[in-house]
């Protein structure tokens, strides 16, 4: 490839005249071979696209996370899961022996007995009422007693369902949602109490995660909800794309930062809570600037230049003043006009020949 370029340089130049009044105007022409090899780009005007680099941490999506607390005190008999295990809704996580569970079993049995007795009494009073041996008042009272007993029985059945009672003194802890076990605070033979206020499991569906971004006060006016964010972790050579969906209003007194939240889809479950993340926020400034492709810029003699193309015999070496470079675009303060064309491929070769 280098040999081909050398050949191109040897044959590309032919004289086209020279205007002594304009030092920047090229006095040489490009031959047809070089014309086919170069590329041109147009100078455009747009809002300046900026980026801000910050740090953050991967976190659970709290909207898809559930903490599980013990519903009764007791001794842990069995634990079926470990951290990182995937569970489906309804799967048994642990089995606990509990005197409270035994009480619920006893209350259910007593409620069922009362309901049966009240039902028999209601039926007997109803038969007597039909035969004229009982008053309407007695019938209404018997029906009411049955309704109360039936309601209490149904309540105890609901307790059985909530506690997943599976024996005289045993209740089962089941997964309320599908997801991964991300926190486990019990083991067999542990004694747990309902008044400890400590969750025994946390389940999270990490197909979506949050990235909590550290936002400094000085950058607060630059970042808005809805801005695009690029997230990269130390573990993977991959960029995850999301948007800022919330900026929190509380400043951390130690770090002097606010938190901004980025939601990310995590289909491959590669992102894990507590991972460090580098976050780049893309946003537009209020001011518009001209821009050219960054690869069109030439740096020489501590100055920046572009090769402005008008025709093959009118190529100008133009000094420019840079504003900033971002994602392959260089924004210009001065030196160019919207709509002009610049050489963006082999421009350094053209520059050398035009300025030898």
Foldseek 3Di string as FASTA:
>chain_A
DVVVVVVQLVPQWDADDDDVVDPQWFGTFGDPVVVVVWDKDFKAKDFDKDKDKFKWFWAFPVVQKDFAADPAWFFWADADDDAFDWDAFFDFGTKGFGVVLLVLVVQLVVLVVQLVVLVVLLVVQVVCVVVVNHDPVSNVVSVVSNVVSVVSNVVSVVVCVVQVDDDNGMGTDGHRHTAGWHDADDDGGDTDHRPPPDTGTMGGHVQKIKIKTWAAPVCVVVDDFFWKKWKDFPVDPDIWIWTFHDWDDDADPPVRTTITITMTGNNVVPRDGGTMMMMMTMDGDPDMFIKDFPLQWDADPNWIWWWWDDDRSTIGTWTFAWDQDDDRMTTTDDTDDGGIMTTRPCRVSVVVVRPD
